[in-house]
Amino acid sequence: MRGPQTTASTRTRYWIGALLVFLAAFCFALKGILIKIAYQYPIDAISLLTLRMVFALPFYVAIALNLSRRLPPVHLSAQSWLKLGMLGLTGYYIASFLNFLGLVYITASLERILLFVYPTFVLLLGSVVYGRKVNRLQILAVLLTYAGIMVAFAPNINSGQQKDVFLGAFWVILSGLVYAVYLVGSDTMIARVGAQRYTCYAMIAATLAIVLHCLIANGLDLFRFAAPVYGLALLMAVLVTVIPTFMIAEGIKRIGSGNASIVASIGPIFTIVLATTLLDETISISQLFGTLLVLLGVFLIGWKGRK
């Protein structure tokens, strides 16, 4: 039987975990805002992504080295290391690049709403890959999510705020699908390596691929941009990449992935508020209603899957 002290300690642990996920959601919500601000200067998607990852790389290398000194060594086969590297490329190179590409065409607020389709992809992929049963409530959640995306998306078709809304939406939704593949494939690897180590290794692998992509695309010509671009890239590296990836990992450890997904679903609301405040984006009533439907669908998926 648990005593009052144990119960209080458990509650404290839970609320600290929830706060970490909440703060991580806010940081992630800033990503689209900072990218859109950076796109006000002449810079392409792969160069901006490369700057972000190169600035973040020293932090991940330092943390990985520190973990290797404090923790027992990781024993993985060559095949497992290859799988880890491929997952890193999937989650932090391919998905990130597609997301950066989508933001060339659409607003930050619409991008965040569309990106939140990924929990439904995680649910469906889990059913296909691991044979997990999808119940009626989860089917309702998926339908609500896609209905919300359609409601939020429709008014943007002829909006002057976006260059090519269909192309941008395609890249962002594809980014969500790729990220879902990364999450589904990461379960067993995180259990073997640990969340923090896994994050570091995945980010390092992704950075190497991104640098190679940039080298092929433009010869790593990264010193020709306006000074604010580098400040924005550094801010993205620290505030939108390094800090939230570890906060979300620690938060999940404390409150479970299902509860974390519920708390993190506040992200699109943060982005909408920031986009209207900092980018002067116009948010319609239908977009707000669509956002609420999306969040309700994500909430139901997270609530049903909480541990």
C-alpha atoms as a PDB file:
ATOM      1  CA  MET A   1       0.000   0.000   0.000  1.00  0.00           C
ATOM      2  CA  ARG A   2       1.350   3.416  -0.949  1.00  0.00           C
ATOM      3  CA  GLY A   3       1.883   5.980   1.793  1.00  0.00           C
ATOM      4  CA  PRO A   4       1.131   9.725   1.488  1.00  0.00           C
ATOM      5  CA  GLN A   5       4.798  10.486   0.789  1.00  0.00           C
ATOM      6  CA  THR A   6       4.976   7.991  -2.085  1.00  0.00           C
ATOM      7  CA  THR A   7       1.723   9.301  -3.577  1.00  0.00           C
ATOM      8  CA  ALA A   8       2.941  12.903  -3.363  1.00  0.00           C
ATOM      9  CA  SER A   9       6.241  11.924  -4.978  1.00  0.00           C
ATOM     10  CA  THR A  10       4.396  10.143  -7.810  1.00  0.00           C
ATOM     11  CA  ARG A  11       2.167  13.164  -8.400  1.00  0.00           C
ATOM     12  CA  THR A  12       5.163  15.492  -8.415  1.00  0.00           C
ATOM     13  CA  ARG A  13       6.928  13.243 -10.919  1.00  0.00           C
ATOM     14  CA  TYR A  14       3.820  13.238 -13.140  1.00  0.00           C
ATOM     15  CA  TRP A  15       3.353  17.018 -13.095  1.00  0.00           C
ATOM     16  CA  ILE A  16       7.017  17.652 -13.789  1.00  0.00           C
ATOM     17  CA  GLY A  17       6.744  15.268 -16.766  1.00  0.00           C
ATOM     18  CA  ALA A  18       3.591  16.995 -18.014  1.00  0.00           C
ATOM     19  CA  LEU A  19       5.282  20.403 -17.676  1.00  0.00           C
ATOM     20  CA  LEU A  20       8.292  19.177 -19.676  1.00  0.00           C
ATOM     21  CA  VAL A  21       6.034  17.928 -22.496  1.00  0.00           C
ATOM     22  CA  PHE A  22       4.058  21.191 -22.409  1.00  0.00           C
ATOM     23  CA  LEU A  23       7.245  23.269 -22.724  1.00  0.00           C
ATOM     24  CA  ALA A  24       8.521  20.970 -25.484  1.00  0.00           C
ATOM     25  CA  ALA A  25       5.246  21.485 -27.388  1.00  0.00           C
ATOM     26  CA  PHE A  26       5.737  25.245 -27.146  1.00  0.00           C
ATOM     27  CA  CYS A  27       9.303  24.952 -28.438  1.00  0.00           C
ATOM     28  CA  PHE A  28       8.243  22.726 -31.336  1.00  0.00           C
ATOM     29  CA  ALA A  29       5.452  25.203 -32.140  1.00  0.00           C
ATOM     30  CA  LEU A  30       8.118  27.861 -32.678  1.00  0.00           C
ATOM     31  CA  LYS A  31       9.752  25.863 -35.470  1.00  0.00           C
ATOM     32  CA  GLY A  32       7.383  26.867 -38.263  1.00  0.00           C
ATOM     33  CA  ILE A  33       7.445  30.487 -37.086  1.00  0.00           C
ATOM     34  CA  LEU A  34      11.239  30.703 -37.165  1.00  0.00           C
ATOM     35  CA  ILE A  35      11.399  28.945 -40.551  1.00  0.00           C
ATOM     36  CA  LYS A  36       8.877  31.371 -42.063  1.00  0.00           C
ATOM     37  CA  ILE A  37      10.846  34.327 -40.685  1.00  0.00           C
ATOM     38  CA  ALA A  38      14.059  32.883 -42.159  1.00  0.00           C
ATOM     39  CA  TYR A  39      12.331  32.454 -45.543  1.00  0.00           C
ATOM     40  CA  GLN A  40      11.858  36.220 -45.658  1.00  0.00           C
ATOM     41  CA  TYR A  41      15.552  36.228 -46.593  1.00  0.00           C
ATOM     42  CA  PRO A  42      16.843  34.498 -49.748  1.00  0.00           C
ATOM     43  CA  ILE A  43      17.617  30.959 -48.538  1.00  0.00           C
ATOM     44  CA  ASP A  44      16.569  27.490 -49.738  1.00  0.00           C
ATOM     45  CA  ALA A  45      15.135  24.679 -47.617  1.00  0.00           C
ATOM     46  CA  ILE A  46      18.182  22.377 -47.541  1.00  0.00           C
ATOM     47  CA  SER A  47      20.592  25.198 -46.638  1.00  0.00           C
ATOM     48  CA  LEU A  48      18.392  26.336 -43.737  1.00  0.00           C
ATOM     49  CA  LEU A  49      17.958  22.760 -42.501  1.00  0.00           C
ATOM     50  CA  THR A  50      21.711  22.190 -42.753  1.00  0.00           C
ATOM     51  CA  LEU A  51      22.493  25.295 -40.706  1.00  0.00           C
ATOM     52  CA  ARG A  52      20.004  24.211 -38.051  1.00  0.00           C
ATOM     53  CA  MET A  53      21.452  20.708 -37.784  1.00  0.00           C
ATOM     54  CA  VAL A  54      25.119  21.788 -37.927  1.00  0.00           C
ATOM     55  CA  PHE A  55      24.519  24.228 -35.074  1.00  0.00           C
ATOM     56  CA  ALA A  56      22.738  21.490 -33.083  1.00  0.00           C
ATOM     57  CA  LEU A  57      25.352  18.783 -33.769  1.00  0.00           C
ATOM     58  CA  PRO A  58      27.940  19.814 -31.102  1.00  0.00           C
ATOM     59  CA  PHE A  59      25.283  19.583 -28.394  1.00  0.00           C
ATOM     60  CA  TYR A  60      24.285  16.047 -29.398  1.00  0.00           C
ATOM     61  CA  VAL A  61      27.909  14.903 -29.701  1.00  0.00           C
ATOM     62  CA  ALA A  62      28.746  16.341 -26.264  1.00  0.00           C
ATOM     63  CA  ILE A  63      25.675  14.755 -24.658  1.00  0.00           C
ATOM     64  CA  ALA A  64      26.388  11.390 -26.343  1.00  0.00           C
ATOM     65  CA  LEU A  65      29.985  11.450 -25.062  1.00  0.00           C
ATOM     66  CA  ASN A  66      28.791  12.335 -21.557  1.00  0.00           C
ATOM     67  CA  LEU A  67      26.260   9.489 -21.607  1.00  0.00           C
ATOM     68  CA  SER A  68      28.918   7.042 -22.806  1.00  0.00           C
ATOM     69  CA  ARG A  69      31.060   7.946 -19.788  1.00  0.00           C
ATOM     70  CA  ARG A  70      28.224   7.645 -17.281  1.00  0.00           C
ATOM     71  CA  LEU A  71      26.367   4.616 -18.649  1.00  0.00           C
ATOM     72  CA  PRO A  72      27.398   1.073 -19.615  1.00  0.00           C
ATOM     73  CA  PRO A  73      28.494   0.689 -23.236  1.00  0.00           C
ATOM     74  CA  VAL A  74      25.913  -0.082 -25.918  1.00  0.00           C
ATOM     75  CA  HIS A  75      26.346  -3.480 -27.565  1.00  0.00           C
ATOM     76  CA  LEU A  76      24.620  -3.560 -30.946  1.00  0.00           C
ATOM     77  CA  SER A  77      25.220  -5.647 -34.042  1.00  0.00           C
ATOM     78  CA  ALA A  78      26.204  -3.966 -37.299  1.00  0.00           C
ATOM     79  CA  GLN A  79      22.667  -4.584 -38.530  1.00  0.00           C
ATOM     80  CA  SER A  80      21.196  -2.845 -35.477  1.00  0.00           C
ATOM     81  CA  TRP A  81      23.527   0.150 -35.895  1.00  0.00           C
ATOM     82  CA  LEU A  82      22.441   0.342 -39.523  1.00  0.00           C
ATOM     83  CA  LYS A  83      18.780   0.239 -38.474  1.00  0.00           C
ATOM     84  CA  LEU A  84      19.384   2.998 -35.924  1.00  0.00           C
ATOM     85  CA  GLY A  85      21.084   5.145 -38.557  1.00  0.00           C
ATOM     86  CA  MET A  86      18.284   4.575 -41.064  1.00  0.00           C
ATOM     87  CA  LEU A  87      15.679   5.515 -38.468  1.00  0.00           C
ATOM     88  CA  GLY A  88      17.614   8.705 -37.737  1.00  0.00           C
ATOM     89  CA  LEU A  89      17.640   9.535 -41.441  1.00  0.00           C
ATOM     90  CA  THR A  90      13.907   8.857 -41.655  1.00  0.00           C
ATOM     91  CA  GLY A  91      12.841  10.910 -38.635  1.00  0.00           C
ATOM     92  CA  TYR A  92      15.267  13.819 -38.652  1.00  0.00           C
ATOM     93  CA  TYR A  93      16.475  14.103 -42.236  1.00  0.00           C
ATOM     94  CA  ILE A  94      13.703  13.060 -44.622  1.00  0.00           C
ATOM     95  CA  ALA A  95      10.773  14.148 -42.428  1.00  0.00           C
ATOM     96  CA  SER A  96      12.483  17.426 -41.495  1.00  0.00           C
ATOM     97  CA  PHE A  97      13.438  18.265 -45.077  1.00  0.00           C
ATOM     98  CA  LEU A  98       9.890  17.601 -46.326  1.00  0.00           C
ATOM     99  CA  ASN A  99       8.565  19.799 -43.529  1.00  0.00           C
ATOM    100  CA  PHE A 100      10.961  22.651 -44.387  1.00  0.00           C
ATOM    101  CA  LEU A 101       9.994  22.241 -48.043  1.00  0.00           C
ATOM    102  CA  GLY A 102       6.284  22.432 -47.247  1.00  0.00           C
ATOM    103  CA  LEU A 103       6.761  25.689 -45.337  1.00  0.00           C
ATOM    104  CA  VAL A 104       8.058  27.315 -48.525  1.00  0.00           C
ATOM    105  CA  TYR A 105       4.466  27.137 -49.816  1.00  0.00           C
ATOM    106  CA  ILE A 106       2.037  27.324 -46.884  1.00  0.00           C
ATOM    107  CA  THR A 107       1.573  29.251 -43.660  1.00  0.00           C
ATOM    108  CA  ALA A 108       3.047  28.133 -40.340  1.00  0.00           C
ATOM    109  CA  SER A 109      -0.397  27.709 -38.741  1.00  0.00           C
ATOM    110  CA  LEU A 110      -1.685  25.453 -41.539  1.00  0.00           C
ATOM    111  CA  GLU A 111       1.567  23.475 -41.509  1.00  0.00           C
ATOM    112  CA  ARG A 112       1.195  22.683 -37.810  1.00  0.00           C
ATOM    113  CA  ILE A 113      -2.430  21.552 -38.246  1.00  0.00           C
ATOM    114  CA  LEU A 114      -1.541  19.300 -41.191  1.00  0.00           C
ATOM    115  CA  LEU A 115       1.523  17.902 -39.428  1.00  0.00           C
ATOM    116  CA  PHE A 116      -0.666  16.694 -36.568  1.00  0.00           C
ATOM    117  CA  VAL A 117      -1.972  13.982 -38.858  1.00  0.00           C
ATOM    118  CA  TYR A 118       1.031  11.899 -37.767  1.00  0.00           C
ATOM    119  CA  PRO A 119      -0.638  10.339 -34.662  1.00  0.00           C
ATOM    120  CA  THR A 120      -3.248   8.791 -36.963  1.00  0.00           C
ATOM    121  CA  PHE A 121      -0.447   7.435 -39.152  1.00  0.00           C
ATOM    122  CA  VAL A 122       1.246   5.994 -36.038  1.00  0.00           C
ATOM    123  CA  LEU A 123      -2.020   4.293 -35.093  1.00  0.00           C
ATOM    124  CA  LEU A 124      -2.583   2.846 -38.578  1.00  0.00           C
ATOM    125  CA  LEU A 125       1.048   1.763 -39.031  1.00  0.00           C
ATOM    126  CA  GLY A 126       0.984   0.108 -35.603  1.00  0.00           C
ATOM    127  CA  SER A 127      -2.030  -1.860 -36.747  1.00  0.00           C
ATOM    128  CA  VAL A 128      -0.337  -2.917 -40.014  1.00  0.00           C
ATOM    129  CA  VAL A 129       3.191  -3.568 -38.675  1.00  0.00           C
ATOM    130  CA  TYR A 130       2.450  -4.973 -35.199  1.00  0.00           C
ATOM    131  CA  GLY A 131      -1.115  -6.183 -35.699  1.00  0.00           C
ATOM    132  CA  ARG A 132      -2.457  -3.873 -32.984  1.00  0.00           C
ATOM    133  CA  LYS A 133      -6.234  -3.835 -32.930  1.00  0.00           C
ATOM    134  CA  VAL A 134      -7.907  -0.533 -33.850  1.00  0.00           C
ATOM    135  CA  ASN A 135     -11.166  -0.116 -31.937  1.00  0.00           C
ATOM    136  CA  ARG A 136     -14.215   1.986 -32.746  1.00  0.00           C
ATOM    137  CA  LEU A 137     -13.125   4.919 -30.604  1.00  0.00           C
ATOM    138  CA  GLN A 138      -9.798   5.066 -32.420  1.00  0.00           C
ATOM    139  CA  ILE A 139     -11.558   4.902 -35.810  1.00  0.00           C
ATOM    140  CA  LEU A 140     -13.722   7.827 -34.651  1.00  0.00           C
ATOM    141  CA  ALA A 141     -10.531   9.673 -33.641  1.00  0.00           C
ATOM    142  CA  VAL A 142      -9.019   9.146 -37.097  1.00  0.00           C
ATOM    143  CA  LEU A 143     -12.210  10.353 -38.799  1.00  0.00           C
ATOM    144  CA  LEU A 144     -12.332  13.439 -36.561  1.00  0.00           C
ATOM    145  CA  THR A 145      -8.705  14.233 -37.313  1.00  0.00           C
ATOM    146  CA  TYR A 146      -9.112  14.026 -41.082  1.00  0.00           C
ATOM    147  CA  ALA A 147     -12.420  15.920 -40.986  1.00  0.00           C
ATOM    148  CA  GLY A 148     -10.685  18.659 -39.021  1.00  0.00           C
ATOM    149  CA  ILE A 149      -7.836  18.822 -41.524  1.00  0.00           C
ATOM    150  CA  MET A 150     -10.307  19.137 -44.403  1.00  0.00           C
ATOM    151  CA  VAL A 151     -12.251  21.903 -42.621  1.00  0.00           C
ATOM    152  CA  ALA A 152      -9.044  23.792 -41.793  1.00  0.00           C
ATOM    153  CA  PHE A 153      -7.543  23.218 -45.244  1.00  0.00           C
ATOM    154  CA  ALA A 154     -10.483  24.225 -47.473  1.00  0.00           C
ATOM    155  CA  PRO A 155     -10.416  28.025 -46.879  1.00  0.00           C
ATOM    156  CA  ASN A 156      -6.697  28.115 -47.707  1.00  0.00           C
ATOM    157  CA  ILE A 157      -7.116  26.874 -51.285  1.00  0.00           C
ATOM    158  CA  ASN A 158      -7.535  30.355 -52.736  1.00  0.00           C
ATOM    159  CA  SER A 159      -5.747  32.213 -49.957  1.00  0.00           C
ATOM    160  CA  GLY A 160      -3.162  34.811 -50.932  1.00  0.00           C
ATOM    161  CA  GLN A 161      -1.084  33.834 -47.896  1.00  0.00           C
ATOM    162  CA  GLN A 162       0.194  30.654 -49.599  1.00  0.00           C
ATOM    163  CA  LYS A 163       2.114  30.130 -52.836  1.00  0.00           C
ATOM    164  CA  ASP A 164       0.911  26.630 -53.729  1.00  0.00           C
ATOM    165  CA  VAL A 165      -1.288  25.246 -50.985  1.00  0.00           C
ATOM    166  CA  PHE A 166      -1.724  21.750 -52.483  1.00  0.00           C
ATOM    167  CA  LEU A 167       2.006  21.219 -53.013  1.00  0.00           C
ATOM    168  CA  GLY A 168       2.845  22.572 -49.571  1.00  0.00           C
ATOM    169  CA  ALA A 169       0.165  20.421 -47.936  1.00  0.00           C
ATOM    170  CA  PHE A 170       1.443  17.352 -49.795  1.00  0.00           C
ATOM    171  CA  TRP A 171       4.994  17.817 -48.495  1.00  0.00           C
ATOM    172  CA  VAL A 172       3.847  18.445 -44.913  1.00  0.00           C
ATOM    173  CA  ILE A 173       1.490  15.452 -44.800  1.00  0.00           C
ATOM    174  CA  LEU A 174       4.194  13.268 -46.342  1.00  0.00           C
ATOM    175  CA  SER A 175       6.536  14.569 -43.634  1.00  0.00           C
ATOM    176  CA  GLY A 176       3.995  13.437 -41.025  1.00  0.00           C
ATOM    177  CA  LEU A 177       3.810   9.976 -42.604  1.00  0.00           C
ATOM    178  CA  VAL A 178       7.604   9.615 -42.675  1.00  0.00           C
ATOM    179  CA  TYR A 179       7.849  10.793 -39.049  1.00  0.00           C
ATOM    180  CA  ALA A 180       5.201   8.228 -38.086  1.00  0.00           C
ATOM    181  CA  VAL A 181       7.330   5.501 -39.720  1.00  0.00           C
ATOM    182  CA  TYR A 182      10.254   6.718 -37.594  1.00  0.00           C
ATOM    183  CA  LEU A 183       8.199   6.599 -34.385  1.00  0.00           C
ATOM    184  CA  VAL A 184       6.782   3.139 -35.057  1.00  0.00           C
ATOM    185  CA  GLY A 185      10.231   1.794 -35.932  1.00  0.00           C
ATOM    186  CA  SER A 186      11.860   3.363 -32.885  1.00  0.00           C
ATOM    187  CA  ASP A 187      10.046   1.417 -30.156  1.00  0.00           C
ATOM    188  CA  THR A 188      12.398  -1.544 -29.848  1.00  0.00           C
ATOM    189  CA  MET A 189      15.556   0.487 -30.494  1.00  0.00           C
ATOM    190  CA  ILE A 190      14.789   2.999 -27.732  1.00  0.00           C
ATOM    191  CA  ALA A 191      14.228   0.096 -25.320  1.00  0.00           C
ATOM    192  CA  ARG A 192      17.698  -1.267 -26.172  1.00  0.00           C
ATOM    193  CA  VAL A 193      19.685   1.979 -26.309  1.00  0.00           C
ATOM    194  CA  GLY A 194      17.776   4.395 -24.065  1.00  0.00           C
ATOM    195  CA  ALA A 195      15.828   7.474 -25.128  1.00  0.00           C
ATOM    196  CA  GLN A 196      18.600  10.054 -24.704  1.00  0.00           C
ATOM    197  CA  ARG A 197      21.303   8.007 -26.414  1.00  0.00           C
ATOM    198  CA  TYR A 198      18.912   7.069 -29.194  1.00  0.00           C
ATOM    199  CA  THR A 199      18.044  10.723 -29.798  1.00  0.00           C
ATOM    200  CA  CYS A 200      21.732  11.683 -29.964  1.00  0.00           C
ATOM    201  CA  TYR A 201      22.691   8.874 -32.336  1.00  0.00           C
ATOM    202  CA  ALA A 202      19.664   9.456 -34.583  1.00  0.00           C
ATOM    203  CA  MET A 203      20.364  13.201 -34.790  1.00  0.00           C
ATOM    204  CA  ILE A 204      24.062  12.647 -35.566  1.00  0.00           C
ATOM    205  CA  ALA A 205      23.201  10.200 -38.376  1.00  0.00           C
ATOM    206  CA  ALA A 206      20.620  12.617 -39.783  1.00  0.00           C
ATOM    207  CA  THR A 207      23.062  15.533 -39.681  1.00  0.00           C
ATOM    208  CA  LEU A 208      25.639  13.621 -41.721  1.00  0.00           C
ATOM    209  CA  ALA A 209      23.004  12.850 -44.380  1.00  0.00           C
ATOM    210  CA  ILE A 210      21.780  16.456 -44.440  1.00  0.00           C
ATOM    211  CA  VAL A 211      25.312  17.809 -44.865  1.00  0.00           C
ATOM    212  CA  LEU A 212      25.876  15.354 -47.744  1.00  0.00           C
ATOM    213  CA  HIS A 213      22.589  16.474 -49.350  1.00  0.00           C
ATOM    214  CA  CYS A 214      23.623  20.116 -49.051  1.00  0.00           C
ATOM    215  CA  LEU A 215      27.056  19.311 -50.481  1.00  0.00           C
ATOM    216  CA  ILE A 216      25.458  17.721 -53.560  1.00  0.00           C
ATOM    217  CA  ALA A 217      22.797  20.425 -53.912  1.00  0.00           C
ATOM    218  CA  ASN A 218      24.903  23.561 -53.574  1.00  0.00           C
ATOM    219  CA  GLY A 219      28.444  22.589 -52.637  1.00  0.00           C
ATOM    220  CA  LEU A 220      27.875  23.445 -48.926  1.00  0.00           C
ATOM    221  CA  ASP A 221      27.810  27.125 -49.809  1.00  0.00           C
ATOM    222  CA  LEU A 222      26.549  28.229 -46.393  1.00  0.00           C
ATOM    223  CA  PHE A 223      28.347  31.549 -45.919  1.00  0.00           C
ATOM    224  CA  ARG A 224      26.389  33.783 -48.294  1.00  0.00           C
ATOM    225  CA  PHE A 225      23.239  34.496 -46.321  1.00  0.00           C
ATOM    226  CA  ALA A 226      22.115  37.546 -44.372  1.00  0.00           C
ATOM    227  CA  ALA A 227      23.335  37.709 -40.762  1.00  0.00           C
ATOM    228  CA  PRO A 228      19.831  37.226 -39.216  1.00  0.00           C
ATOM    229  CA  VAL A 229      19.561  33.835 -40.939  1.00  0.00           C
ATOM    230  CA  TYR A 230      22.412  32.464 -38.826  1.00  0.00           C
ATOM    231  CA  GLY A 231      20.845  33.791 -35.636  1.00  0.00           C
ATOM    232  CA  LEU A 232      17.535  32.179 -36.562  1.00  0.00           C
ATOM    233  CA  ALA A 233      19.262  28.886 -37.427  1.00  0.00           C
ATOM    234  CA  LEU A 234      21.078  28.906 -34.061  1.00  0.00           C
ATOM    235  CA  LEU A 235      17.799  29.627 -32.283  1.00  0.00           C
ATOM    236  CA  MET A 236      16.195  26.717 -34.168  1.00  0.00           C
ATOM    237  CA  ALA A 237      19.089  24.449 -33.236  1.00  0.00           C
ATOM    238  CA  VAL A 238      18.913  25.163 -29.516  1.00  0.00           C
ATOM    239  CA  LEU A 239      15.318  26.167 -28.769  1.00  0.00           C
ATOM    240  CA  VAL A 240      13.469  24.065 -31.362  1.00  0.00           C
ATOM    241  CA  THR A 241      15.762  21.041 -31.646  1.00  0.00           C
ATOM    242  CA  VAL A 242      18.107  20.224 -28.757  1.00  0.00           C
ATOM    243  CA  ILE A 243      16.070  21.394 -25.766  1.00  0.00           C
ATOM    244  CA  PRO A 244      12.626  20.005 -26.746  1.00  0.00           C
ATOM    245  CA  THR A 245      13.924  16.628 -27.956  1.00  0.00           C
ATOM    246  CA  PHE A 246      15.313  15.903 -24.493  1.00  0.00           C
ATOM    247  CA  MET A 247      12.359  17.482 -22.666  1.00  0.00           C
ATOM    248  CA  ILE A 248       9.913  15.303 -24.591  1.00  0.00           C
ATOM    249  CA  ALA A 249      12.016  12.171 -23.946  1.00  0.00           C
ATOM    250  CA  GLU A 250      12.132  12.898 -20.202  1.00  0.00           C
ATOM    251  CA  GLY A 251       8.440  13.791 -20.183  1.00  0.00           C
ATOM    252  CA  ILE A 252       7.457  10.524 -21.879  1.00  0.00           C
ATOM    253  CA  LYS A 253       9.555   8.607 -19.347  1.00  0.00           C
ATOM    254  CA  ARG A 254       7.602  10.238 -16.505  1.00  0.00           C
ATOM    255  CA  ILE A 255       4.007  10.247 -17.822  1.00  0.00           C
ATOM    256  CA  GLY A 256       3.942   7.727 -20.694  1.00  0.00           C
ATOM    257  CA  SER A 257       3.633   8.226 -24.440  1.00  0.00           C
ATOM    258  CA  GLY A 258      -0.182   8.327 -24.465  1.00  0.00           C
ATOM    259  CA  ASN A 259      -0.431  11.084 -21.870  1.00  0.00           C
ATOM    260  CA  ALA A 260       2.455  12.916 -23.560  1.00  0.00           C
ATOM    261  CA  SER A 261       0.590  12.931 -26.877  1.00  0.00           C
ATOM    262  CA  ILE A 262      -2.430  14.484 -25.147  1.00  0.00           C
ATOM    263  CA  VAL A 263      -0.361  17.268 -23.566  1.00  0.00           C
ATOM    264  CA  ALA A 264       1.608  17.846 -26.795  1.00  0.00           C
ATOM    265  CA  SER A 265      -1.611  18.294 -28.762  1.00  0.00           C
ATOM    266  CA  ILE A 266      -1.655  21.902 -27.525  1.00  0.00           C
ATOM    267  CA  GLY A 267       1.093  22.535 -30.131  1.00  0.00           C
ATOM    268  CA  PRO A 268      -1.138  23.738 -33.008  1.00  0.00           C
ATOM    269  CA  ILE A 269      -2.825  26.254 -30.682  1.00  0.00           C
ATOM    270  CA  PHE A 270       0.579  27.667 -29.766  1.00  0.00           C
ATOM    271  CA  THR A 271       1.494  27.918 -33.460  1.00  0.00           C
ATOM    272  CA  ILE A 272      -1.756  29.668 -34.390  1.00  0.00           C
ATOM    273  CA  VAL A 273      -1.286  32.258 -31.626  1.00  0.00           C
ATOM    274  CA  LEU A 274       2.364  32.817 -32.552  1.00  0.00           C
ATOM    275  CA  ALA A 275       1.605  32.962 -36.286  1.00  0.00           C
ATOM    276  CA  THR A 276      -1.073  35.624 -35.853  1.00  0.00           C
ATOM    277  CA  THR A 277       1.136  37.595 -33.452  1.00  0.00           C
ATOM    278  CA  LEU A 278       4.548  37.366 -35.128  1.00  0.00           C
ATOM    279  CA  LEU A 279       3.755  36.654 -38.790  1.00  0.00           C
ATOM    280  CA  ASP A 280       0.441  38.514 -39.169  1.00  0.00           C
ATOM    281  CA  GLU A 281      -1.176  35.362 -40.549  1.00  0.00           C
ATOM    282  CA  THR A 282      -4.966  35.478 -40.803  1.00  0.00           C
ATOM    283  CA  ILE A 283      -6.761  32.632 -39.046  1.00  0.00           C
ATOM    284  CA  SER A 284     -10.349  31.910 -40.117  1.00  0.00           C
ATOM    285  CA  ILE A 285     -13.183  30.544 -37.986  1.00  0.00           C
ATOM    286  CA  SER A 286     -13.200  27.351 -40.087  1.00  0.00           C
ATOM    287  CA  GLN A 287      -9.473  26.910 -39.459  1.00  0.00           C
ATOM    288  CA  LEU A 288     -10.016  27.245 -35.703  1.00  0.00           C
ATOM    289  CA  PHE A 289     -12.914  24.764 -35.845  1.00  0.00           C
ATOM    290  CA  GLY A 290     -10.828  22.353 -37.932  1.00  0.00           C
ATOM    291  CA  THR A 291      -8.000  22.683 -35.418  1.00  0.00           C
ATOM    292  CA  LEU A 292     -10.344  21.753 -32.570  1.00  0.00           C
ATOM    293  CA  LEU A 293     -11.504  18.655 -34.470  1.00  0.00           C
ATOM    294  CA  VAL A 294      -7.887  17.639 -35.122  1.00  0.00           C
ATOM    295  CA  LEU A 295      -6.976  18.121 -31.457  1.00  0.00           C
ATOM    296  CA  LEU A 296     -10.021  16.140 -30.349  1.00  0.00           C
ATOM    297  CA  GLY A 297      -8.968  13.269 -32.618  1.00  0.00           C
ATOM    298  CA  VAL A 298      -5.396  13.375 -31.332  1.00  0.00           C
ATOM    299  CA  PHE A 299      -6.685  13.558 -27.742  1.00  0.00           C
ATOM    300  CA  LEU A 300      -8.797  10.431 -28.240  1.00  0.00           C
ATOM    301  CA  ILE A 301      -5.877   8.537 -29.792  1.00  0.00           C
ATOM    302  CA  GLY A 302      -3.566   9.578 -26.960  1.00  0.00           C
ATOM    303  CA  TRP A 303      -6.143   8.933 -24.245  1.00  0.00           C
ATOM    304  CA  LYS A 304      -6.884   5.443 -25.547  1.00  0.00           C
ATOM    305  CA  GLY A 305      -3.177   4.669 -25.837  1.00  0.00           C
ATOM    306  CA  ARG A 306      -1.998   6.123 -22.549  1.00  0.00           C
ATOM    307  CA  LYS A 307      -0.023   3.894 -20.258  1.00  0.00           C
END
